[in-house]
C-alpha atoms as a PDB file:
ATOM      1  CA  MET A   1     238.151 134.719 159.140  1.00  0.00           C
ATOM      2  CA  SER A   2     234.679 135.623 158.966  1.00  0.00           C
ATOM      3  CA  ARG A   3     232.087 134.744 156.286  1.00  0.00           C
ATOM      4  CA  PRO A   4     230.442 136.897 154.509  1.00  0.00           C
ATOM      5  CA  ARG A   5     226.940 137.554 155.290  1.00  0.00           C
ATOM      6  CA  PRO A   6     224.204 137.818 152.557  1.00  0.00           C
ATOM      7  CA  PRO A   7     222.340 141.353 152.571  1.00  0.00           C
ATOM      8  CA  LEU A   8     219.247 141.426 154.451  1.00  0.00           C
ATOM      9  CA  SER A   9     216.956 142.110 151.198  1.00  0.00           C
ATOM     10  CA  SER A  10     218.130 139.046 150.277  1.00  0.00           C
ATOM     11  CA  HIS A  11     216.274 136.674 152.884  1.00  0.00           C
ATOM     12  CA  ARG A  12     213.234 135.244 152.259  1.00  0.00           C
ATOM     13  CA  ARG A  13     209.835 136.134 154.496  1.00  0.00           C
ATOM     14  CA  ALA A  14     208.619 133.135 156.171  1.00  0.00           C
ATOM     15  CA  HIS A  15     204.409 133.188 154.739  1.00  0.00           C
ATOM     16  CA  GLY A  16     201.848 131.915 157.134  1.00  0.00           C
ATOM     17  CA  PHE A  17     199.818 132.987 159.976  1.00  0.00           C
ATOM     18  CA  THR A  18     201.092 133.880 163.565  1.00  0.00           C
ATOM     19  CA  LEU A  19     199.633 132.916 166.599  1.00  0.00           C
ATOM     20  CA  LEU A  20     198.110 136.844 166.885  1.00  0.00           C
ATOM     21  CA  ASP A  21     196.856 136.690 163.425  1.00  0.00           C
ATOM     22  CA  LEU A  22     194.905 133.327 164.104  1.00  0.00           C
ATOM     23  CA  LEU A  23     193.692 134.805 167.686  1.00  0.00           C
ATOM     24  CA  ILE A  24     192.460 138.034 166.046  1.00  0.00           C
ATOM     25  CA  ALA A  25     190.554 136.058 163.149  1.00  0.00           C
ATOM     26  CA  LEU A  26     188.933 133.624 165.937  1.00  0.00           C
ATOM     27  CA  THR A  27     187.940 136.634 167.695  1.00  0.00           C
ATOM     28  CA  ILE A  28     186.267 138.591 164.598  1.00  0.00           C
ATOM     29  CA  LEU A  29     184.563 135.355 163.683  1.00  0.00           C
ATOM     30  CA  GLY A  30     183.324 134.653 167.300  1.00  0.00           C
ATOM     31  CA  ILE A  31     181.945 138.474 167.666  1.00  0.00           C
ATOM     32  CA  LEU A  32     180.176 137.943 163.787  1.00  0.00           C
ATOM     33  CA  PHE A  33     178.529 134.464 165.134  1.00  0.00           C
ATOM     34  CA  GLY A  34     177.595 135.960 168.655  1.00  0.00           C
ATOM     35  CA  ILE A  35     175.724 138.599 166.209  1.00  0.00           C
ATOM     36  CA  ALA A  36     174.244 136.265 163.661  1.00  0.00           C
ATOM     37  CA  ILE A  37     172.954 133.261 165.616  1.00  0.00           C
ATOM     38  CA  PRO A  38     170.360 134.908 167.588  1.00  0.00           C
ATOM     39  CA  GLY A  39     169.031 136.185 164.455  1.00  0.00           C
ATOM     40  CA  LEU A  40     169.192 132.776 162.738  1.00  0.00           C
ATOM     41  CA  LYS A  41     167.115 131.144 165.724  1.00  0.00           C
ATOM     42  CA  ASN A  42     164.229 133.768 165.449  1.00  0.00           C
ATOM     43  CA  ALA A  43     164.208 133.410 161.519  1.00  0.00           C
ATOM     44  CA  VAL A  44     163.605 129.251 162.264  1.00  0.00           C
ATOM     45  CA  ALA A  45     161.106 129.989 164.696  1.00  0.00           C
ATOM     46  CA  ARG A  46     158.976 132.350 162.295  1.00  0.00           C
ATOM     47  CA  VAL A  47     159.203 129.827 159.456  1.00  0.00           C
ATOM     48  CA  GLN A  48     158.230 126.801 161.738  1.00  0.00           C
ATOM     49  CA  ALA A  49     155.006 128.582 163.223  1.00  0.00           C
ATOM     50  CA  GLY A  50     154.371 129.793 159.534  1.00  0.00           C
ATOM     51  CA  SER A  51     154.561 125.924 158.450  1.00  0.00           C
ATOM     52  CA  ALA A  52     152.374 124.990 161.346  1.00  0.00           C
ATOM     53  CA  ARG A  53     149.704 127.492 160.487  1.00  0.00           C
ATOM     54  CA  SER A  54     149.545 126.576 156.859  1.00  0.00           C
ATOM     55  CA  ALA A  55     149.386 123.056 157.702  1.00  0.00           C
ATOM     56  CA  LEU A  56     146.139 124.064 160.065  1.00  0.00           C
ATOM     57  CA  THR A  57     144.866 126.216 156.951  1.00  0.00           C
ATOM     58  CA  ALA A  58     145.107 123.365 154.566  1.00  0.00           C
ATOM     59  CA  THR A  59     143.565 120.774 156.808  1.00  0.00           C
ATOM     60  CA  LEU A  60     140.558 123.017 157.542  1.00  0.00           C
ATOM     61  CA  PHE A  61     140.481 124.022 153.773  1.00  0.00           C
ATOM     62  CA  ASP A  62     140.405 120.178 153.231  1.00  0.00           C
ATOM     63  CA  ALA A  63     137.884 119.314 155.753  1.00  0.00           C
ATOM     64  CA  GLN A  64     135.372 122.047 154.536  1.00  0.00           C
ATOM     65  CA  ARG A  65     135.766 120.870 151.037  1.00  0.00           C
ATOM     66  CA  HIS A  66     135.221 117.140 151.916  1.00  0.00           C
ATOM     67  CA  ALA A  67     131.945 117.727 153.749  1.00  0.00           C
ATOM     68  CA  THR A  68     130.382 120.035 150.922  1.00  0.00           C
ATOM     69  CA  VAL A  69     131.438 117.830 148.417  1.00  0.00           C
ATOM     70  CA  LEU A  70     130.089 114.404 149.666  1.00  0.00           C
ATOM     71  CA  GLY A  71     127.475 115.539 151.830  1.00  0.00           C
ATOM     72  CA  ARG A  72     129.056 114.447 155.400  1.00  0.00           C
ATOM     73  CA  GLU A  73     130.294 115.383 158.489  1.00  0.00           C
ATOM     74  CA  VAL A  74     134.251 115.653 158.631  1.00  0.00           C
ATOM     75  CA  VAL A  75     135.874 116.077 161.849  1.00  0.00           C
ATOM     76  CA  ILE A  76     139.101 117.279 162.926  1.00  0.00           C
ATOM     77  CA  CYS A  77     140.722 116.721 166.165  1.00  0.00           C
ATOM     78  CA  PRO A  78     143.621 116.943 168.120  1.00  0.00           C
ATOM     79  CA  GLY A  79     145.904 113.743 168.049  1.00  0.00           C
ATOM     80  CA  GLU A  80     148.389 112.261 165.349  1.00  0.00           C
ATOM     81  CA  SER A  81     146.385 108.925 164.947  1.00  0.00           C
ATOM     82  CA  GLN A  82     143.385 109.071 167.413  1.00  0.00           C
ATOM     83  CA  CYS A  83     141.503 112.003 168.682  1.00  0.00           C
ATOM     84  CA  VAL A  84     142.970 112.554 172.187  1.00  0.00           C
ATOM     85  CA  GLY A  85     140.721 115.560 173.053  1.00  0.00           C
ATOM     86  CA  GLY A  86     141.921 118.811 175.035  1.00  0.00           C
ATOM     87  CA  ALA A  87     143.015 122.046 173.929  1.00  0.00           C
ATOM     88  CA  ASP A  88     146.798 121.010 172.695  1.00  0.00           C
ATOM     89  CA  TRP A  89     146.889 120.245 168.972  1.00  0.00           C
ATOM     90  CA  SER A  90     150.724 120.513 169.344  1.00  0.00           C
ATOM     91  CA  GLN A  91     151.162 116.812 168.599  1.00  0.00           C
ATOM     92  CA  GLY A  92     149.396 116.602 165.477  1.00  0.00           C
ATOM     93  CA  TRP A  93     145.681 116.711 164.104  1.00  0.00           C
ATOM     94  CA  LEU A  94     143.544 114.475 162.303  1.00  0.00           C
ATOM     95  CA  ALA A  95     140.386 115.221 159.873  1.00  0.00           C
ATOM     96  CA  PHE A  96     138.194 112.024 158.875  1.00  0.00           C
ATOM     97  CA  ILE A  97     134.872 111.710 157.228  1.00  0.00           C
ATOM     98  CA  ASP A  98     132.492 110.716 160.645  1.00  0.00           C
ATOM     99  CA  HIS A  99     129.977 108.079 159.095  1.00  0.00           C
ATOM    100  CA  ASN A 100     128.506 107.118 162.285  1.00  0.00           C
ATOM    101  CA  GLY A 101     128.308 110.515 164.094  1.00  0.00           C
ATOM    102  CA  ASP A 102     130.119 109.815 167.098  1.00  0.00           C
ATOM    103  CA  ARG A 103     133.120 112.317 166.588  1.00  0.00           C
ATOM    104  CA  MET A 104     135.674 109.911 167.059  1.00  0.00           C
ATOM    105  CA  HIS A 105     137.418 108.152 164.514  1.00  0.00           C
ATOM    106  CA  GLY A 106     136.630 104.407 164.113  1.00  0.00           C
ATOM    107  CA  PRO A 107     137.456 101.884 161.544  1.00  0.00           C
ATOM    108  CA  GLY A 108     135.882 102.418 158.086  1.00  0.00           C
ATOM    109  CA  GLU A 109     136.032 106.226 158.767  1.00  0.00           C
ATOM    110  CA  GLN A 110     137.946 107.911 155.779  1.00  0.00           C
ATOM    111  CA  ILE A 111     141.088 109.992 156.844  1.00  0.00           C
ATOM    112  CA  VAL A 112     140.843 112.978 154.910  1.00  0.00           C
ATOM    113  CA  ARG A 113     144.435 114.566 156.335  1.00  0.00           C
ATOM    114  CA  GLN A 114     146.589 114.002 158.907  1.00  0.00           C
ATOM    115  CA  GLU A 115     149.116 116.264 160.333  1.00  0.00           C
ATOM    116  CA  PRO A 116     152.335 115.048 162.464  1.00  0.00           C
ATOM    117  CA  GLY A 117     153.579 116.906 165.681  1.00  0.00           C
ATOM    118  CA  LEU A 118     154.872 120.521 165.526  1.00  0.00           C
ATOM    119  CA  PRO A 119     158.529 120.658 166.240  1.00  0.00           C
ATOM    120  CA  ALA A 120     160.046 121.242 169.549  1.00  0.00           C
ATOM    121  CA  GLY A 121     159.432 124.914 170.625  1.00  0.00           C
ATOM    122  CA  VAL A 122     156.640 125.406 168.132  1.00  0.00           C
ATOM    123  CA  ARG A 123     152.849 124.938 170.206  1.00  0.00           C
ATOM    124  CA  LEU A 124     149.344 125.152 168.855  1.00  0.00           C
ATOM    125  CA  ARG A 125     146.562 125.722 171.703  1.00  0.00           C
ATOM    126  CA  GLY A 126     142.884 125.813 171.011  1.00  0.00           C
ATOM    127  CA  THR A 127     139.953 127.309 172.883  1.00  0.00           C
ATOM    128  CA  VAL A 128     139.248 125.235 175.934  1.00  0.00           C
ATOM    129  CA  GLY A 129     135.904 123.211 175.876  1.00  0.00           C
ATOM    130  CA  ARG A 130     136.389 122.653 172.081  1.00  0.00           C
ATOM    131  CA  PRO A 131     138.106 119.532 171.819  1.00  0.00           C
ATOM    132  CA  ARG A 132     137.267 119.343 167.814  1.00  0.00           C
ATOM    133  CA  ILE A 133     135.910 120.959 165.387  1.00  0.00           C
ATOM    134  CA  VAL A 134     133.077 119.559 163.100  1.00  0.00           C
ATOM    135  CA  TYR A 135     132.193 120.718 159.365  1.00  0.00           C
ATOM    136  CA  GLN A 136     128.581 120.020 158.162  1.00  0.00           C
ATOM    137  CA  PRO A 137     127.654 119.489 155.022  1.00  0.00           C
ATOM    138  CA  ASN A 138     126.827 123.147 154.398  1.00  0.00           C
ATOM    139  CA  GLY A 139     130.260 124.072 154.717  1.00  0.00           C
ATOM    140  CA  GLY A 140     129.954 125.393 158.032  1.00  0.00           C
ATOM    141  CA  ASN A 141     131.286 124.115 161.518  1.00  0.00           C
ATOM    142  CA  ALA A 142     129.160 123.213 164.504  1.00  0.00           C
ATOM    143  CA  GLY A 143     129.285 125.045 167.787  1.00  0.00           C
ATOM    144  CA  ALA A 144     130.989 128.344 168.311  1.00  0.00           C
ATOM    145  CA  ASN A 145     134.284 129.853 167.170  1.00  0.00           C
ATOM    146  CA  ILE A 146     137.273 128.443 168.027  1.00  0.00           C
ATOM    147  CA  THR A 147     140.673 130.226 168.438  1.00  0.00           C
ATOM    148  CA  PHE A 148     143.965 128.850 168.050  1.00  0.00           C
ATOM    149  CA  THR A 149     146.660 130.191 169.921  1.00  0.00           C
ATOM    150  CA  LEU A 150     150.137 129.626 167.625  1.00  0.00           C
ATOM    151  CA  CYS A 151     153.592 130.634 169.438  1.00  0.00           C
ATOM    152  CA  ASP A 152     157.173 129.477 169.421  1.00  0.00           C
ATOM    153  CA  ARG A 153     160.378 129.761 170.833  1.00  0.00           C
ATOM    154  CA  ARG A 154     160.418 133.990 170.289  1.00  0.00           C
ATOM    155  CA  GLY A 155     157.706 134.558 173.334  1.00  0.00           C
ATOM    156  CA  PRO A 156     154.549 135.151 173.991  1.00  0.00           C
ATOM    157  CA  ARG A 157     154.858 138.775 172.182  1.00  0.00           C
ATOM    158  CA  ASP A 158     154.857 137.023 168.877  1.00  0.00           C
ATOM    159  CA  ALA A 159     152.222 134.692 169.556  1.00  0.00           C
ATOM    160  CA  LEU A 160     149.261 134.678 166.981  1.00  0.00           C
ATOM    161  CA  ALA A 161     145.788 133.787 167.349  1.00  0.00           C
ATOM    162  CA  LEU A 162     143.911 132.062 164.820  1.00  0.00           C
ATOM    163  CA  ILE A 163     140.306 132.478 164.906  1.00  0.00           C
ATOM    164  CA  LEU A 164     137.742 130.417 162.793  1.00  0.00           C
ATOM    165  CA  SER A 165     134.251 131.262 162.451  1.00  0.00           C
ATOM    166  CA  ASN A 166     131.298 129.060 162.356  1.00  0.00           C
ATOM    167  CA  GLY A 167     131.182 129.912 158.617  1.00  0.00           C
ATOM    168  CA  GLY A 168     134.253 128.628 157.969  1.00  0.00           C
ATOM    169  CA  ARG A 169     136.316 131.547 157.918  1.00  0.00           C
ATOM    170  CA  LEU A 170     139.933 131.727 159.282  1.00  0.00           C
ATOM    171  CA  ARG A 171     141.444 135.235 160.372  1.00  0.00           C
ATOM    172  CA  SER A 172     144.499 135.787 162.492  1.00  0.00           C
ATOM    173  CA  THR A 173     145.579 138.655 164.735  1.00  0.00           C
ATOM    174  CA  ARG A 174     148.187 138.888 167.438  1.00  0.00           C
ATOM    175  CA  ALA A 175     147.230 136.991 170.491  1.00  0.00           C
ATOM    176  CA  ALA A 176     145.829 138.621 173.839  1.00  0.00           C
ATOM    177  CA  PRO A 177     148.737 138.796 176.329  1.00  0.00           C
ATOM    178  CA  PRO A 178     147.309 135.895 178.930  1.00  0.00           C
ATOM    179  CA  ALA A 179     146.681 133.376 175.687  1.00  0.00           C
ATOM    180  CA  GLY A 180     150.160 134.180 174.194  1.00  0.00           C
ATOM    181  CA  ALA A 181     151.540 133.889 177.924  1.00  0.00           C
ATOM    182  CA  ALA A 182     149.812 130.595 178.571  1.00  0.00           C
ATOM    183  CA  CYS A 183     150.894 129.107 175.074  1.00  0.00           C
ATOM    184  CA  ALA A 184     154.468 130.054 175.423  1.00  0.00           C
ATOM    185  CA  VAL A 185     154.828 128.400 179.118  1.00  0.00           C
ATOM    186  CA  GLY A 186     157.621 125.760 179.221  1.00  0.00           C
ATOM    187  CA  LEU A 187     158.642 126.563 175.425  1.00  0.00           C
END
């Protein structure tokens, strides 16, 4: 004699995901990440460049203020702990009160502000031949205007030119294509 079979409607359905469900979900997630990651990288690069610009602006302001209040020259130069010269400011910079007038940081010269190197993928280059900025007691800076080119991983098209006038005014504009391209080399 055969056993009676329970009706089909009484079978309980298994709960869970099939392998096909999992593959579809992973494919959708992969597509979403593929769309979102490049935008996220650009946002991070934009924030890092903005942070570098803010740090430079704050240093310029502090140096100018100290020069006028103290009646002494204040020097800003590339290099995290010593003036290294050159046009690359990406390794950080230093502002100090130049008591002896040699435009190099020495013992006993107070550091006004010190900035560490920029994150990987962000570069700041100054005008070739202007290895330092010297704020005078009248608030102006000695020498010719200096142009900083700020670039990041987004490429030369998004590079900025930060132009500091002798009077101490900083303005920004898009970098000229050759300067942006030179700045972005190796990023």
